[in-house]
Amino acid sequence: MKIALQYVSDMNGKPQAVQMPVSEWEKVLSHIRKSEQVLKLKSDLKVAFKQVDTLRKSKAKKQTLTDFLNDL
């Protein structure tokens, strides 16, 4: 994705800000939001798999899916 950026510099020529078309900014935000959702899902799955592994190694009585759903 090629974006037309404009740099705003101070009196010494040091870049201070970047400007871009709003339509491009909205695309960037959309991409960021999707990436955040993917990262959240991966994190949640990692936690879930750890919980499953812990339950499998546990000698405690396990709750069946039917019992779990009946408790809801």
PDB file of N, CA and C in Angstrom:
ATOM      1  N   MET A   1       0.861  -1.168   0.000  1.00  0.00           N
ATOM      2  CA  MET A   1       0.000   0.000   0.000  1.00  0.00           C
ATOM      3  C   MET A   1       0.906   1.229   0.000  1.00  0.00           C
ATOM      4  N   LYS A   2       0.771   2.049  -0.984  1.00  0.00           N
ATOM      5  CA  LYS A   2       1.552   3.275  -1.091  1.00  0.00           C
ATOM      6  C   LYS A   2       0.662   4.440  -0.676  1.00  0.00           C
ATOM      7  N   ILE A   3       1.146   5.215   0.294  1.00  0.00           N
ATOM      8  CA  ILE A   3       0.371   6.319   0.837  1.00  0.00           C
ATOM      9  C   ILE A   3       1.119   7.622   0.580  1.00  0.00           C
ATOM     10  N   ALA A   4       0.384   8.625   0.112  1.00  0.00           N
ATOM     11  CA  ALA A   4       0.973   9.946  -0.109  1.00  0.00           C
ATOM     12  C   ALA A   4       1.080  10.665   1.236  1.00  0.00           C
ATOM     13  N   LEU A   5       2.291  10.708   1.771  1.00  0.00           N
ATOM     14  CA  LEU A   5       2.518  11.360   3.059  1.00  0.00           C
ATOM     15  C   LEU A   5       3.137  12.728   2.844  1.00  0.00           C
ATOM     16  N   GLN A   6       2.785  13.653   3.719  1.00  0.00           N
ATOM     17  CA  GLN A   6       3.405  14.970   3.741  1.00  0.00           C
ATOM     18  C   GLN A   6       4.001  15.168   5.124  1.00  0.00           C
ATOM     19  N   TYR A   7       5.250  15.597   5.155  1.00  0.00           N
ATOM     20  CA  TYR A   7       5.937  15.802   6.427  1.00  0.00           C
ATOM     21  C   TYR A   7       5.912  17.275   6.795  1.00  0.00           C
ATOM     22  N   VAL A   8       5.631  17.544   8.052  1.00  0.00           N
ATOM     23  CA  VAL A   8       5.645  18.903   8.580  1.00  0.00           C
ATOM     24  C   VAL A   8       6.909  19.036   9.417  1.00  0.00           C
ATOM     25  N   SER A   9       7.745  20.017   9.060  1.00  0.00           N
ATOM     26  CA  SER A   9       9.023  20.181   9.743  1.00  0.00           C
ATOM     27  C   SER A   9       9.064  21.495  10.524  1.00  0.00           C
ATOM     28  N   ASP A  10       9.929  21.510  11.540  1.00  0.00           N
ATOM     29  CA  ASP A  10      10.114  22.763  12.288  1.00  0.00           C
ATOM     30  C   ASP A  10      11.060  23.675  11.504  1.00  0.00           C
ATOM     31  N   MET A  11      11.414  24.804  12.100  1.00  0.00           N
ATOM     32  CA  MET A  11      12.244  25.786  11.401  1.00  0.00           C
ATOM     33  C   MET A  11      13.645  25.248  11.097  1.00  0.00           C
ATOM     34  N   ASN A  12      14.068  24.215  11.817  1.00  0.00           N
ATOM     35  CA  ASN A  12      15.385  23.623  11.582  1.00  0.00           C
ATOM     36  C   ASN A  12      15.339  22.476  10.583  1.00  0.00           C
ATOM     37  N   GLY A  13      14.158  22.192  10.058  1.00  0.00           N
ATOM     38  CA  GLY A  13      14.003  21.113   9.091  1.00  0.00           C
ATOM     39  C   GLY A  13      13.780  19.748   9.715  1.00  0.00           C
ATOM     40  N   LYS A  14      13.636  19.728  11.049  1.00  0.00           N
ATOM     41  CA  LYS A  14      13.411  18.450  11.737  1.00  0.00           C
ATOM     42  C   LYS A  14      11.929  18.073  11.620  1.00  0.00           C
ATOM     43  N   PRO A  15      11.650  16.864  11.111  1.00  0.00           N
ATOM     44  CA  PRO A  15      10.241  16.443  10.979  1.00  0.00           C
ATOM     45  C   PRO A  15       9.524  16.443  12.337  1.00  0.00           C
ATOM     46  N   GLN A  16       8.328  16.999  12.357  1.00  0.00           N
ATOM     47  CA  GLN A  16       7.526  17.091  13.569  1.00  0.00           C
ATOM     48  C   GLN A  16       6.202  16.344  13.477  1.00  0.00           C
ATOM     49  N   ALA A  17       5.712  16.184  12.253  1.00  0.00           N
ATOM     50  CA  ALA A  17       4.407  15.537  12.075  1.00  0.00           C
ATOM     51  C   ALA A  17       4.312  14.992  10.654  1.00  0.00           C
ATOM     52  N   VAL A  18       3.313  14.146  10.481  1.00  0.00           N
ATOM     53  CA  VAL A  18       3.036  13.573   9.164  1.00  0.00           C
ATOM     54  C   VAL A  18       1.563  13.796   8.869  1.00  0.00           C
ATOM     55  N   GLN A  19       1.285  14.172   7.635  1.00  0.00           N
ATOM     56  CA  GLN A  19      -0.101  14.329   7.195  1.00  0.00           C
ATOM     57  C   GLN A  19      -0.370  13.311   6.102  1.00  0.00           C
ATOM     58  N   MET A  20      -1.609  12.825   6.101  1.00  0.00           N
ATOM     59  CA  MET A  20      -2.022  11.880   5.056  1.00  0.00           C
ATOM     60  C   MET A  20      -3.508  12.100   4.782  1.00  0.00           C
ATOM     61  N   PRO A  21      -3.960  11.687   3.609  1.00  0.00           N
ATOM     62  CA  PRO A  21      -5.386  11.814   3.309  1.00  0.00           C
ATOM     63  C   PRO A  21      -6.221  11.001   4.305  1.00  0.00           C
ATOM     64  N   VAL A  22      -7.379  11.529   4.668  1.00  0.00           N
ATOM     65  CA  VAL A  22      -8.266  10.876   5.633  1.00  0.00           C
ATOM     66  C   VAL A  22      -8.651   9.481   5.153  1.00  0.00           C
ATOM     67  N   SER A  23      -8.888   9.323   3.875  1.00  0.00           N
ATOM     68  CA  SER A  23      -9.286   8.008   3.357  1.00  0.00           C
ATOM     69  C   SER A  23      -8.176   6.979   3.599  1.00  0.00           C
ATOM     70  N   GLU A  24      -6.925   7.385   3.455  1.00  0.00           N
ATOM     71  CA  GLU A  24      -5.806   6.483   3.719  1.00  0.00           C
ATOM     72  C   GLU A  24      -5.683   6.199   5.210  1.00  0.00           C
ATOM     73  N   TRP A  25      -5.900   7.225   6.028  1.00  0.00           N
ATOM     74  CA  TRP A  25      -5.843   7.050   7.482  1.00  0.00           C
ATOM     75  C   TRP A  25      -6.888   6.042   7.940  1.00  0.00           C
ATOM     76  N   GLU A  26      -8.083   6.111   7.377  1.00  0.00           N
ATOM     77  CA  GLU A  26      -9.144   5.167   7.731  1.00  0.00           C
ATOM     78  C   GLU A  26      -8.752   3.737   7.363  1.00  0.00           C
ATOM     79  N   LYS A  27      -8.057   3.563   6.240  1.00  0.00           N
ATOM     80  CA  LYS A  27      -7.581   2.233   5.844  1.00  0.00           C
ATOM     81  C   LYS A  27      -6.536   1.725   6.833  1.00  0.00           C
ATOM     82  N   VAL A  28      -5.632   2.616   7.236  1.00  0.00           N
ATOM     83  CA  VAL A  28      -4.600   2.242   8.210  1.00  0.00           C
ATOM     84  C   VAL A  28      -5.252   1.835   9.528  1.00  0.00           C
ATOM     85  N   LEU A  29      -6.218   2.625  10.003  1.00  0.00           N
ATOM     86  CA  LEU A  29      -6.920   2.295  11.253  1.00  0.00           C
ATOM     87  C   LEU A  29      -7.643   0.956  11.151  1.00  0.00           C
ATOM     88  N   SER A  30      -8.270   0.705  10.017  1.00  0.00           N
ATOM     89  CA  SER A  30      -8.972  -0.561   9.817  1.00  0.00           C
ATOM     90  C   SER A  30      -7.986  -1.720   9.897  1.00  0.00           C
ATOM     91  N   HIS A  31      -6.841  -1.569   9.279  1.00  0.00           N
ATOM     92  CA  HIS A  31      -5.813  -2.613   9.304  1.00  0.00           C
ATOM     93  C   HIS A  31      -5.306  -2.842  10.738  1.00  0.00           C
ATOM     94  N   ILE A  32      -5.105  -1.770  11.463  1.00  0.00           N
ATOM     95  CA  ILE A  32      -4.651  -1.874  12.859  1.00  0.00           C
ATOM     96  C   ILE A  32      -5.693  -2.603  13.705  1.00  0.00           C
ATOM     97  N   ARG A  33      -6.956  -2.249  13.537  1.00  0.00           N
ATOM     98  CA  ARG A  33      -8.022  -2.897  14.322  1.00  0.00           C
ATOM     99  C   ARG A  33      -8.101  -4.393  14.027  1.00  0.00           C
ATOM    100  N   LYS A  34      -7.988  -4.750  12.759  1.00  0.00           N
ATOM    101  CA  LYS A  34      -8.017  -6.174  12.397  1.00  0.00           C
ATOM    102  C   LYS A  34      -6.825  -6.910  12.999  1.00  0.00           C
ATOM    103  N   SER A  35      -5.675  -6.265  12.959  1.00  0.00           N
ATOM    104  CA  SER A  35      -4.476  -6.878  13.540  1.00  0.00           C
ATOM    105  C   SER A  35      -4.628  -7.057  15.045  1.00  0.00           C
ATOM    106  N   GLU A  36      -5.224  -6.075  15.712  1.00  0.00           N
ATOM    107  CA  GLU A  36      -5.456  -6.183  17.155  1.00  0.00           C
ATOM    108  C   GLU A  36      -6.395  -7.346  17.468  1.00  0.00           C
ATOM    109  N   GLN A  37      -7.428  -7.527  16.640  1.00  0.00           N
ATOM    110  CA  GLN A  37      -8.364  -8.631  16.845  1.00  0.00           C
ATOM    111  C   GLN A  37      -7.668  -9.977  16.681  1.00  0.00           C
ATOM    112  N   VAL A  38      -6.799 -10.080  15.692  1.00  0.00           N
ATOM    113  CA  VAL A  38      -6.061 -11.326  15.464  1.00  0.00           C
ATOM    114  C   VAL A  38      -5.145 -11.611  16.652  1.00  0.00           C
ATOM    115  N   LEU A  39      -4.438 -10.590  17.131  1.00  0.00           N
ATOM    116  CA  LEU A  39      -3.552 -10.767  18.282  1.00  0.00           C
ATOM    117  C   LEU A  39      -4.330 -11.174  19.525  1.00  0.00           C
ATOM    118  N   LYS A  40      -5.494 -10.587  19.737  1.00  0.00           N
ATOM    119  CA  LYS A  40      -6.324 -10.926  20.894  1.00  0.00           C
ATOM    120  C   LYS A  40      -6.784 -12.379  20.797  1.00  0.00           C
ATOM    121  N   LEU A  41      -7.210 -12.791  19.612  1.00  0.00           N
ATOM    122  CA  LEU A  41      -7.651 -14.172  19.409  1.00  0.00           C
ATOM    123  C   LEU A  41      -6.506 -15.148  19.672  1.00  0.00           C
ATOM    124  N   LYS A  42      -5.324 -14.830  19.156  1.00  0.00           N
ATOM    125  CA  LYS A  42      -4.167 -15.708  19.382  1.00  0.00           C
ATOM    126  C   LYS A  42      -3.842 -15.804  20.865  1.00  0.00           C
ATOM    127  N   SER A  43      -3.915 -14.681  21.556  1.00  0.00           N
ATOM    128  CA  SER A  43      -3.634 -14.672  22.993  1.00  0.00           C
ATOM    129  C   SER A  43      -4.666 -15.502  23.752  1.00  0.00           C
ATOM    130  N   ASP A  44      -5.935 -15.320  23.411  1.00  0.00           N
ATOM    131  CA  ASP A  44      -7.006 -16.078  24.068  1.00  0.00           C
ATOM    132  C   ASP A  44      -6.862 -17.579  23.815  1.00  0.00           C
ATOM    133  N   LEU A  45      -6.502 -17.940  22.589  1.00  0.00           N
ATOM    134  CA  LEU A  45      -6.317 -19.359  22.263  1.00  0.00           C
ATOM    135  C   LEU A  45      -5.136 -19.945  23.026  1.00  0.00           C
ATOM    136  N   LYS A  46      -4.081 -19.172  23.174  1.00  0.00           N
ATOM    137  CA  LYS A  46      -2.913 -19.641  23.917  1.00  0.00           C
ATOM    138  C   LYS A  46      -3.299 -19.951  25.362  1.00  0.00           C
ATOM    139  N   VAL A  47      -4.065 -19.050  25.971  1.00  0.00           N
ATOM    140  CA  VAL A  47      -4.540 -19.262  27.345  1.00  0.00           C
ATOM    141  C   VAL A  47      -5.432 -20.498  27.406  1.00  0.00           C
ATOM    142  N   ALA A  48      -6.331 -20.641  26.448  1.00  0.00           N
ATOM    143  CA  ALA A  48      -7.254 -21.781  26.439  1.00  0.00           C
ATOM    144  C   ALA A  48      -6.505 -23.102  26.312  1.00  0.00           C
ATOM    145  N   PHE A  49      -5.506 -23.150  25.433  1.00  0.00           N
ATOM    146  CA  PHE A  49      -4.737 -24.393  25.272  1.00  0.00           C
ATOM    147  C   PHE A  49      -3.948 -24.725  26.528  1.00  0.00           C
ATOM    148  N   LYS A  50      -3.450 -23.709  27.221  1.00  0.00           N
ATOM    149  CA  LYS A  50      -2.752 -23.954  28.484  1.00  0.00           C
ATOM    150  C   LYS A  50      -3.719 -24.524  29.514  1.00  0.00           C
ATOM    151  N   GLN A  51      -4.941 -23.987  29.544  1.00  0.00           N
ATOM    152  CA  GLN A  51      -5.950 -24.480  30.481  1.00  0.00           C
ATOM    153  C   GLN A  51      -6.311 -25.931  30.163  1.00  0.00           C
ATOM    154  N   VAL A  52      -6.449 -26.244  28.899  1.00  0.00           N
ATOM    155  CA  VAL A  52      -6.761 -27.619  28.494  1.00  0.00           C
ATOM    156  C   VAL A  52      -5.632 -28.552  28.914  1.00  0.00           C
ATOM    157  N   ASP A  53      -4.404 -28.122  28.683  1.00  0.00           N
ATOM    158  CA  ASP A  53      -3.256 -28.941  29.058  1.00  0.00           C
ATOM    159  C   ASP A  53      -3.227 -29.176  30.567  1.00  0.00           C
ATOM    160  N   THR A  54      -3.489 -28.127  31.333  1.00  0.00           N
ATOM    161  CA  THR A  54      -3.522 -28.254  32.798  1.00  0.00           C
ATOM    162  C   THR A  54      -4.619 -29.214  33.231  1.00  0.00           C
ATOM    163  N   LEU A  55      -5.792 -29.105  32.623  1.00  0.00           N
ATOM    164  CA  LEU A  55      -6.896 -30.006  32.966  1.00  0.00           C
ATOM    165  C   LEU A  55      -6.576 -31.455  32.615  1.00  0.00           C
ATOM    166  N   ARG A  56      -5.938 -31.658  31.478  1.00  0.00           N
ATOM    167  CA  ARG A  56      -5.585 -33.026  31.069  1.00  0.00           C
ATOM    168  C   ARG A  56      -4.601 -33.661  32.045  1.00  0.00           C
ATOM    169  N   LYS A  57      -3.691 -32.858  32.586  1.00  0.00           N
ATOM    170  CA  LYS A  57      -2.687 -33.371  33.516  1.00  0.00           C
ATOM    171  C   LYS A  57      -3.234 -33.515  34.937  1.00  0.00           C
ATOM    172  N   SER A  58      -4.354 -32.871  35.214  1.00  0.00           N
ATOM    173  CA  SER A  58      -4.940 -32.883  36.546  1.00  0.00           C
ATOM    174  C   SER A  58      -5.634 -34.211  36.827  1.00  0.00           C
ATOM    175  N   LYS A  59      -5.592 -34.592  38.080  1.00  0.00           N
ATOM    176  CA  LYS A  59      -6.290 -35.820  38.481  1.00  0.00           C
ATOM    177  C   LYS A  59      -7.688 -35.510  39.016  1.00  0.00           C
ATOM    178  N   ALA A  60      -8.008 -34.238  39.069  1.00  0.00           N
ATOM    179  CA  ALA A  60      -9.321 -33.832  39.569  1.00  0.00           C
ATOM    180  C   ALA A  60     -10.413 -34.256  38.591  1.00  0.00           C
ATOM    181  N   LYS A  61     -11.635 -34.399  39.127  1.00  0.00           N
ATOM    182  CA  LYS A  61     -12.773 -34.765  38.288  1.00  0.00           C
ATOM    183  C   LYS A  61     -13.053 -33.635  37.309  1.00  0.00           C
ATOM    184  N   LYS A  62     -13.248 -34.000  36.066  1.00  0.00           N
ATOM    185  CA  LYS A  62     -13.480 -33.007  35.017  1.00  0.00           C
ATOM    186  C   LYS A  62     -14.973 -32.874  34.735  1.00  0.00           C
ATOM    187  N   GLN A  63     -15.384 -31.654  34.426  1.00  0.00           N
ATOM    188  CA  GLN A  63     -16.779 -31.398  34.109  1.00  0.00           C
ATOM    189  C   GLN A  63     -17.005 -31.687  32.626  1.00  0.00           C
ATOM    190  N   THR A  64     -18.069 -32.381  32.320  1.00  0.00           N
ATOM    191  CA  THR A  64     -18.384 -32.666  30.923  1.00  0.00           C
ATOM    192  C   THR A  64     -18.991 -31.427  30.278  1.00  0.00           C
ATOM    193  N   LEU A  65     -18.960 -31.396  28.966  1.00  0.00           N
ATOM    194  CA  LEU A  65     -19.550 -30.280  28.243  1.00  0.00           C
ATOM    195  C   LEU A  65     -21.060 -30.215  28.521  1.00  0.00           C
ATOM    196  N   THR A  66     -21.708 -31.352  28.574  1.00  0.00           N
ATOM    197  CA  THR A  66     -23.148 -31.379  28.857  1.00  0.00           C
ATOM    198  C   THR A  66     -23.443 -30.769  30.221  1.00  0.00           C
ATOM    199  N   ASP A  67     -22.658 -31.145  31.227  1.00  0.00           N
ATOM    200  CA  ASP A  67     -22.864 -30.584  32.572  1.00  0.00           C
ATOM    201  C   ASP A  67     -22.611 -29.067  32.571  1.00  0.00           C
ATOM    202  N   PHE A  68     -21.568 -28.667  31.889  1.00  0.00           N
ATOM    203  CA  PHE A  68     -21.244 -27.246  31.805  1.00  0.00           C
ATOM    204  C   PHE A  68     -22.406 -26.473  31.188  1.00  0.00           C
ATOM    205  N   LEU A  69     -22.906 -26.961  30.067  1.00  0.00           N
ATOM    206  CA  LEU A  69     -24.004 -26.282  29.380  1.00  0.00           C
ATOM    207  C   LEU A  69     -25.287 -26.301  30.218  1.00  0.00           C
ATOM    208  N   ASN A  70     -25.516 -27.364  30.947  1.00  0.00           N
ATOM    209  CA  ASN A  70     -26.700 -27.429  31.804  1.00  0.00           C
ATOM    210  C   ASN A  70     -26.619 -26.429  32.951  1.00  0.00           C
ATOM    211  N   ASP A  71     -25.403 -26.101  33.385  1.00  0.00           N
ATOM    212  CA  ASP A  71     -25.212 -25.144  34.474  1.00  0.00           C
ATOM    213  C   ASP A  71     -25.439 -23.700  34.043  1.00  0.00           C
ATOM    214  N   LEU A  72     -25.465 -23.448  32.750  1.00  0.00           N
ATOM    215  CA  LEU A  72     -25.625 -22.069  32.256  1.00  0.00           C
ATOM    216  C   LEU A  72     -27.004 -21.540  32.488  1.00  0.00           C
TER     217      LEU A  72
END
